[in-house]
Amino acid sequence: MDILRSLRPDVDFTSCRDLIDGRYLDSLIILALVAELEEAFDITIPTACIVPANFNSAEAMWEMVTRLQEEG
């Protein structure tokens, strides 16, 4: 949540479920977010995972991060 809030402090990430579809996050923010998530959680986010379904909510992002950590 801290990463998300640092990029877009004006968005309520706890309840928003359409971050991409609602255009709260644009491509530049997504790129910054990917870099921040990779660094913070020591993961690599493959290009195939950079899809709206994985970034439309904080919950979806956390599920992706958790999945990638488990896959190692």
PDB file of N, CA and C in Angstrom:
ATOM      1  N   MET A   1       0.825  -1.187   0.000  1.00  0.00           N
ATOM      2  CA  MET A   1       0.000   0.000   0.000  1.00  0.00           C
ATOM      3  C   MET A   1       0.871   1.253   0.000  1.00  0.00           C
ATOM      4  N   ASP A   2       1.985   1.206   0.718  1.00  0.00           N
ATOM      5  CA  ASP A   2       2.863   2.378   0.759  1.00  0.00           C
ATOM      6  C   ASP A   2       3.389   2.714  -0.629  1.00  0.00           C
ATOM      7  N   ILE A   3       3.726   1.687  -1.386  1.00  0.00           N
ATOM      8  CA  ILE A   3       4.232   1.907  -2.750  1.00  0.00           C
ATOM      9  C   ILE A   3       3.148   2.568  -3.592  1.00  0.00           C
ATOM     10  N   LEU A   4       1.938   2.035  -3.525  1.00  0.00           N
ATOM     11  CA  LEU A   4       0.835   2.592  -4.299  1.00  0.00           C
ATOM     12  C   LEU A   4       0.559   4.030  -3.905  1.00  0.00           C
ATOM     13  N   ARG A   5       0.513   4.283  -2.606  1.00  0.00           N
ATOM     14  CA  ARG A   5       0.223   5.643  -2.129  1.00  0.00           C
ATOM     15  C   ARG A   5       1.322   6.629  -2.521  1.00  0.00           C
ATOM     16  N   SER A   6       2.560   6.143  -2.608  1.00  0.00           N
ATOM     17  CA  SER A   6       3.639   7.051  -3.009  1.00  0.00           C
ATOM     18  C   SER A   6       3.501   7.460  -4.472  1.00  0.00           C
ATOM     19  N   LEU A   7       2.902   6.585  -5.277  1.00  0.00           N
ATOM     20  CA  LEU A   7       2.732   6.886  -6.698  1.00  0.00           C
ATOM     21  C   LEU A   7       1.460   7.682  -6.992  1.00  0.00           C
ATOM     22  N   ARG A   8       0.384   7.394  -6.242  1.00  0.00           N
ATOM     23  CA  ARG A   8      -0.902   8.085  -6.435  1.00  0.00           C
ATOM     24  C   ARG A   8      -1.570   8.297  -5.084  1.00  0.00           C
ATOM     25  N   PRO A   9      -1.150   9.314  -4.327  1.00  0.00           N
ATOM     26  CA  PRO A   9      -1.699   9.528  -2.987  1.00  0.00           C
ATOM     27  C   PRO A   9      -3.177   9.898  -2.975  1.00  0.00           C
ATOM     28  N   ASP A  10      -3.728  10.278  -4.104  1.00  0.00           N
ATOM     29  CA  ASP A  10      -5.124  10.710  -4.183  1.00  0.00           C
ATOM     30  C   ASP A  10      -6.117   9.565  -4.395  1.00  0.00           C
ATOM     31  N   VAL A  11      -5.649   8.341  -4.525  1.00  0.00           N
ATOM     32  CA  VAL A  11      -6.521   7.194  -4.819  1.00  0.00           C
ATOM     33  C   VAL A  11      -6.713   6.346  -3.565  1.00  0.00           C
ATOM     34  N   ASP A  12      -7.954   5.902  -3.335  1.00  0.00           N
ATOM     35  CA  ASP A  12      -8.261   5.008  -2.217  1.00  0.00           C
ATOM     36  C   ASP A  12      -8.022   3.569  -2.668  1.00  0.00           C
ATOM     37  N   PHE A  13      -6.819   3.086  -2.438  1.00  0.00           N
ATOM     38  CA  PHE A  13      -6.436   1.761  -2.915  1.00  0.00           C
ATOM     39  C   PHE A  13      -7.094   0.622  -2.139  1.00  0.00           C
ATOM     40  N   THR A  14      -7.623   0.895  -0.958  1.00  0.00           N
ATOM     41  CA  THR A  14      -8.265  -0.171  -0.188  1.00  0.00           C
ATOM     42  C   THR A  14      -9.605  -0.573  -0.783  1.00  0.00           C
ATOM     43  N   SER A  15     -10.270   0.327  -1.496  1.00  0.00           N
ATOM     44  CA  SER A  15     -11.587  -0.015  -2.030  1.00  0.00           C
ATOM     45  C   SER A  15     -11.674   0.017  -3.551  1.00  0.00           C
ATOM     46  N   CYS A  16     -10.730   0.639  -4.217  1.00  0.00           N
ATOM     47  CA  CYS A  16     -10.796   0.761  -5.673  1.00  0.00           C
ATOM     48  C   CYS A  16     -10.506  -0.588  -6.340  1.00  0.00           C
ATOM     49  N   ARG A  17     -11.374  -0.980  -7.248  1.00  0.00           N
ATOM     50  CA  ARG A  17     -11.240  -2.258  -7.952  1.00  0.00           C
ATOM     51  C   ARG A  17     -11.086  -2.088  -9.467  1.00  0.00           C
ATOM     52  N   ASP A  18     -10.928  -0.825  -9.896  1.00  0.00           N
ATOM     53  CA  ASP A  18     -10.785  -0.562 -11.337  1.00  0.00           C
ATOM     54  C   ASP A  18      -9.634   0.413 -11.604  1.00  0.00           C
ATOM     55  N   LEU A  19      -8.495   0.122 -11.015  1.00  0.00           N
ATOM     56  CA  LEU A  19      -7.350   1.018 -11.131  1.00  0.00           C
ATOM     57  C   LEU A  19      -6.899   1.224 -12.572  1.00  0.00           C
ATOM     58  N   ILE A  20      -6.941   0.170 -13.358  1.00  0.00           N
ATOM     59  CA  ILE A  20      -6.573   0.274 -14.776  1.00  0.00           C
ATOM     60  C   ILE A  20      -7.781   0.710 -15.590  1.00  0.00           C
ATOM     61  N   ASP A  21      -8.874  -0.013 -15.445  1.00  0.00           N
ATOM     62  CA  ASP A  21     -10.080   0.278 -16.220  1.00  0.00           C
ATOM     63  C   ASP A  21     -10.612   1.681 -15.937  1.00  0.00           C
ATOM     64  N   GLY A  22     -10.455   2.162 -14.713  1.00  0.00           N
ATOM     65  CA  GLY A  22     -10.897   3.502 -14.354  1.00  0.00           C
ATOM     66  C   GLY A  22      -9.851   4.570 -14.633  1.00  0.00           C
ATOM     67  N   ARG A  23      -8.722   4.156 -15.188  1.00  0.00           N
ATOM     68  CA  ARG A  23      -7.631   5.051 -15.592  1.00  0.00           C
ATOM     69  C   ARG A  23      -6.992   5.806 -14.427  1.00  0.00           C
ATOM     70  N   TYR A  24      -6.955   5.159 -13.265  1.00  0.00           N
ATOM     71  CA  TYR A  24      -6.241   5.729 -12.125  1.00  0.00           C
ATOM     72  C   TYR A  24      -4.741   5.506 -12.271  1.00  0.00           C
ATOM     73  N   LEU A  25      -4.383   4.418 -12.941  1.00  0.00           N
ATOM     74  CA  LEU A  25      -2.975   4.098 -13.187  1.00  0.00           C
ATOM     75  C   LEU A  25      -2.732   4.097 -14.687  1.00  0.00           C
ATOM     76  N   ASP A  26      -1.754   4.880 -15.121  1.00  0.00           N
ATOM     77  CA  ASP A  26      -1.418   4.881 -16.542  1.00  0.00           C
ATOM     78  C   ASP A  26      -0.153   4.051 -16.761  1.00  0.00           C
ATOM     79  N   SER A  27       0.287   3.975 -17.984  1.00  0.00           N
ATOM     80  CA  SER A  27       1.416   3.101 -18.319  1.00  0.00           C
ATOM     81  C   SER A  27       2.702   3.493 -17.595  1.00  0.00           C
ATOM     82  N   LEU A  28       2.941   4.776 -17.413  1.00  0.00           N
ATOM     83  CA  LEU A  28       4.158   5.200 -16.719  1.00  0.00           C
ATOM     84  C   LEU A  28       4.112   4.814 -15.242  1.00  0.00           C
ATOM     85  N   ILE A  29       2.957   4.949 -14.635  1.00  0.00           N
ATOM     86  CA  ILE A  29       2.815   4.554 -13.235  1.00  0.00           C
ATOM     87  C   ILE A  29       2.960   3.042 -13.107  1.00  0.00           C
ATOM     88  N   ILE A  30       2.419   2.298 -14.057  1.00  0.00           N
ATOM     89  CA  ILE A  30       2.542   0.837 -14.034  1.00  0.00           C
ATOM     90  C   ILE A  30       4.014   0.434 -14.100  1.00  0.00           C
ATOM     91  N   LEU A  31       4.776   1.062 -14.977  1.00  0.00           N
ATOM     92  CA  LEU A  31       6.207   0.747 -15.087  1.00  0.00           C
ATOM     93  C   LEU A  31       6.931   1.048 -13.778  1.00  0.00           C
ATOM     94  N   ALA A  32       6.627   2.177 -13.175  1.00  0.00           N
ATOM     95  CA  ALA A  32       7.243   2.519 -11.894  1.00  0.00           C
ATOM     96  C   ALA A  32       6.819   1.533 -10.816  1.00  0.00           C
ATOM     97  N   LEU A  33       5.558   1.160 -10.843  1.00  0.00           N
ATOM     98  CA  LEU A  33       5.017   0.207  -9.867  1.00  0.00           C
ATOM     99  C   LEU A  33       5.684  -1.158 -10.001  1.00  0.00           C
ATOM    100  N   VAL A  34       5.849  -1.621 -11.216  1.00  0.00           N
ATOM    101  CA  VAL A  34       6.516  -2.902 -11.456  1.00  0.00           C
ATOM    102  C   VAL A  34       7.928  -2.860 -10.870  1.00  0.00           C
ATOM    103  N   ALA A  35       8.655  -1.801 -11.142  1.00  0.00           N
ATOM    104  CA  ALA A  35      10.025  -1.681 -10.627  1.00  0.00           C
ATOM    105  C   ALA A  35      10.029  -1.663  -9.099  1.00  0.00           C
ATOM    106  N   GLU A  36       9.118  -0.926  -8.498  1.00  0.00           N
ATOM    107  CA  GLU A  36       9.035  -0.843  -7.035  1.00  0.00           C
ATOM    108  C   GLU A  36       8.682  -2.194  -6.419  1.00  0.00           C
ATOM    109  N   LEU A  37       7.714  -2.885  -7.010  1.00  0.00           N
ATOM    110  CA  LEU A  37       7.307  -4.199  -6.490  1.00  0.00           C
ATOM    111  C   LEU A  37       8.442  -5.210  -6.608  1.00  0.00           C
ATOM    112  N   GLU A  38       9.126  -5.197  -7.750  1.00  0.00           N
ATOM    113  CA  GLU A  38      10.243  -6.123  -7.939  1.00  0.00           C
ATOM    114  C   GLU A  38      11.323  -5.888  -6.889  1.00  0.00           C
ATOM    115  N   GLU A  39      11.628  -4.638  -6.630  1.00  0.00           N
ATOM    116  CA  GLU A  39      12.674  -4.326  -5.660  1.00  0.00           C
ATOM    117  C   GLU A  39      12.223  -4.635  -4.227  1.00  0.00           C
ATOM    118  N   ALA A  40      11.014  -4.239  -3.886  1.00  0.00           N
ATOM    119  CA  ALA A  40      10.533  -4.406  -2.514  1.00  0.00           C
ATOM    120  C   ALA A  40      10.343  -5.865  -2.134  1.00  0.00           C
ATOM    121  N   PHE A  41       9.924  -6.695  -3.092  1.00  0.00           N
ATOM    122  CA  PHE A  41       9.597  -8.083  -2.780  1.00  0.00           C
ATOM    123  C   PHE A  41      10.567  -9.089  -3.383  1.00  0.00           C
ATOM    124  N   ASP A  42      11.647  -8.601  -3.993  1.00  0.00           N
ATOM    125  CA  ASP A  42      12.675  -9.451  -4.570  1.00  0.00           C
ATOM    126  C   ASP A  42      12.089 -10.480  -5.528  1.00  0.00           C
ATOM    127  N   ILE A  43      11.305  -9.963  -6.474  1.00  0.00           N
ATOM    128  CA  ILE A  43      10.682 -10.808  -7.491  1.00  0.00           C
ATOM    129  C   ILE A  43      10.975 -10.220  -8.862  1.00  0.00           C
ATOM    130  N   THR A  44      10.682 -10.996  -9.884  1.00  0.00           N
ATOM    131  CA  THR A  44      10.689 -10.515 -11.259  1.00  0.00           C
ATOM    132  C   THR A  44       9.281 -10.675 -11.788  1.00  0.00           C
ATOM    133  N   ILE A  45       8.728  -9.593 -12.282  1.00  0.00           N
ATOM    134  CA  ILE A  45       7.382  -9.647 -12.841  1.00  0.00           C
ATOM    135  C   ILE A  45       7.520  -9.802 -14.353  1.00  0.00           C
ATOM    136  N   PRO A  46       7.197 -10.978 -14.873  1.00  0.00           N
ATOM    137  CA  PRO A  46       7.320 -11.199 -16.316  1.00  0.00           C
ATOM    138  C   PRO A  46       6.339 -10.318 -17.092  1.00  0.00           C
ATOM    139  N   THR A  47       6.699  -9.999 -18.302  1.00  0.00           N
ATOM    140  CA  THR A  47       5.846  -9.178 -19.160  1.00  0.00           C
ATOM    141  C   THR A  47       4.444  -9.772 -19.275  1.00  0.00           C
ATOM    142  N   ALA A  48       4.345 -11.086 -19.323  1.00  0.00           N
ATOM    143  CA  ALA A  48       3.046 -11.753 -19.444  1.00  0.00           C
ATOM    144  C   ALA A  48       2.137 -11.469 -18.253  1.00  0.00           C
ATOM    145  N   CYS A  49       2.704 -11.067 -17.121  1.00  0.00           N
ATOM    146  CA  CYS A  49       1.903 -10.766 -15.925  1.00  0.00           C
ATOM    147  C   CYS A  49       1.451  -9.316 -15.871  1.00  0.00           C
ATOM    148  N   ILE A  50       1.959  -8.497 -16.769  1.00  0.00           N
ATOM    149  CA  ILE A  50       1.591  -7.079 -16.753  1.00  0.00           C
ATOM    150  C   ILE A  50       0.327  -6.904 -17.593  1.00  0.00           C
ATOM    151  N   VAL A  51      -0.776  -7.302 -16.975  1.00  0.00           N
ATOM    152  CA  VAL A  51      -2.104  -7.235 -17.589  1.00  0.00           C
ATOM    153  C   VAL A  51      -3.059  -6.571 -16.599  1.00  0.00           C
ATOM    154  N   PRO A  52      -4.134  -5.963 -17.099  1.00  0.00           N
ATOM    155  CA  PRO A  52      -5.072  -5.277 -16.208  1.00  0.00           C
ATOM    156  C   PRO A  52      -5.576  -6.126 -15.046  1.00  0.00           C
ATOM    157  N   ALA A  53      -5.815  -7.388 -15.268  1.00  0.00           N
ATOM    158  CA  ALA A  53      -6.336  -8.249 -14.197  1.00  0.00           C
ATOM    159  C   ALA A  53      -5.417  -8.284 -12.978  1.00  0.00           C
ATOM    160  N   ASN A  54      -4.124  -8.142 -13.189  1.00  0.00           N
ATOM    161  CA  ASN A  54      -3.162  -8.169 -12.078  1.00  0.00           C
ATOM    162  C   ASN A  54      -2.944  -6.801 -11.441  1.00  0.00           C
ATOM    163  N   PHE A  55      -3.484  -5.737 -12.039  1.00  0.00           N
ATOM    164  CA  PHE A  55      -3.230  -4.389 -11.544  1.00  0.00           C
ATOM    165  C   PHE A  55      -4.492  -3.569 -11.300  1.00  0.00           C
ATOM    166  N   ASN A  56      -5.666  -4.168 -11.422  1.00  0.00           N
ATOM    167  CA  ASN A  56      -6.900  -3.420 -11.222  1.00  0.00           C
ATOM    168  C   ASN A  56      -7.204  -3.132  -9.762  1.00  0.00           C
ATOM    169  N   SER A  57      -6.550  -3.827  -8.848  1.00  0.00           N
ATOM    170  CA  SER A  57      -6.761  -3.565  -7.415  1.00  0.00           C
ATOM    171  C   SER A  57      -5.497  -3.917  -6.646  1.00  0.00           C
ATOM    172  N   ALA A  58      -5.397  -3.351  -5.454  1.00  0.00           N
ATOM    173  CA  ALA A  58      -4.264  -3.674  -4.589  1.00  0.00           C
ATOM    174  C   ALA A  58      -4.286  -5.159  -4.246  1.00  0.00           C
ATOM    175  N   GLU A  59      -5.462  -5.705  -4.069  1.00  0.00           N
ATOM    176  CA  GLU A  59      -5.598  -7.126  -3.758  1.00  0.00           C
ATOM    177  C   GLU A  59      -5.059  -7.992  -4.897  1.00  0.00           C
ATOM    178  N   ALA A  60      -5.394  -7.638  -6.135  1.00  0.00           N
ATOM    179  CA  ALA A  60      -4.908  -8.401  -7.290  1.00  0.00           C
ATOM    180  C   ALA A  60      -3.386  -8.323  -7.393  1.00  0.00           C
ATOM    181  N   MET A  61      -2.834  -7.150  -7.097  1.00  0.00           N
ATOM    182  CA  MET A  61      -1.372  -7.002  -7.132  1.00  0.00           C
ATOM    183  C   MET A  61      -0.724  -7.867  -6.061  1.00  0.00           C
ATOM    184  N   TRP A  62      -1.312  -7.877  -4.862  1.00  0.00           N
ATOM    185  CA  TRP A  62      -0.757  -8.689  -3.775  1.00  0.00           C
ATOM    186  C   TRP A  62      -0.811 -10.173  -4.130  1.00  0.00           C
ATOM    187  N   GLU A  63      -1.912 -10.613  -4.733  1.00  0.00           N
ATOM    188  CA  GLU A  63      -2.028 -12.011  -5.153  1.00  0.00           C
ATOM    189  C   GLU A  63      -0.950 -12.355  -6.176  1.00  0.00           C
ATOM    190  N   MET A  64      -0.689 -11.435  -7.107  1.00  0.00           N
ATOM    191  CA  MET A  64       0.357 -11.670  -8.105  1.00  0.00           C
ATOM    192  C   MET A  64       1.721 -11.750  -7.431  1.00  0.00           C
ATOM    193  N   VAL A  65       2.017 -10.819  -6.523  1.00  0.00           N
ATOM    194  CA  VAL A  65       3.293 -10.818  -5.813  1.00  0.00           C
ATOM    195  C   VAL A  65       3.470 -12.112  -5.039  1.00  0.00           C
ATOM    196  N   THR A  66       2.447 -12.524  -4.324  1.00  0.00           N
ATOM    197  CA  THR A  66       2.495 -13.759  -3.536  1.00  0.00           C
ATOM    198  C   THR A  66       2.745 -14.965  -4.430  1.00  0.00           C
ATOM    199  N   ARG A  67       2.040 -15.019  -5.541  1.00  0.00           N
ATOM    200  CA  ARG A  67       2.201 -16.130  -6.499  1.00  0.00           C
ATOM    201  C   ARG A  67       3.629 -16.180  -7.041  1.00  0.00           C
ATOM    202  N   LEU A  68       4.165 -15.016  -7.401  1.00  0.00           N
ATOM    203  CA  LEU A  68       5.521 -14.964  -7.950  1.00  0.00           C
ATOM    204  C   LEU A  68       6.565 -15.324  -6.904  1.00  0.00           C
ATOM    205  N   GLN A  69       6.329 -14.964  -5.663  1.00  0.00           N
ATOM    206  CA  GLN A  69       7.260 -15.352  -4.587  1.00  0.00           C
ATOM    207  C   GLN A  69       7.248 -16.851  -4.393  1.00  0.00           C
ATOM    208  N   GLU A  70       6.057 -17.453  -4.450  1.00  0.00           N
ATOM    209  CA  GLU A  70       5.945 -18.896  -4.279  1.00  0.00           C
ATOM    210  C   GLU A  70       6.603 -19.651  -5.434  1.00  0.00           C
ATOM    211  N   GLU A  71       6.490 -19.095  -6.636  1.00  0.00           N
ATOM    212  CA  GLU A  71       7.096 -19.744  -7.800  1.00  0.00           C
ATOM    213  C   GLU A  71       8.619 -19.637  -7.760  1.00  0.00           C
ATOM    214  N   GLY A  72       9.096 -18.601  -7.045  1.00  0.00           N
ATOM    215  CA  GLY A  72      10.539 -18.421  -6.859  1.00  0.00           C
ATOM    216  C   GLY A  72      11.215 -18.098  -8.110  1.00  0.00           C
TER     217      GLY A  72
END
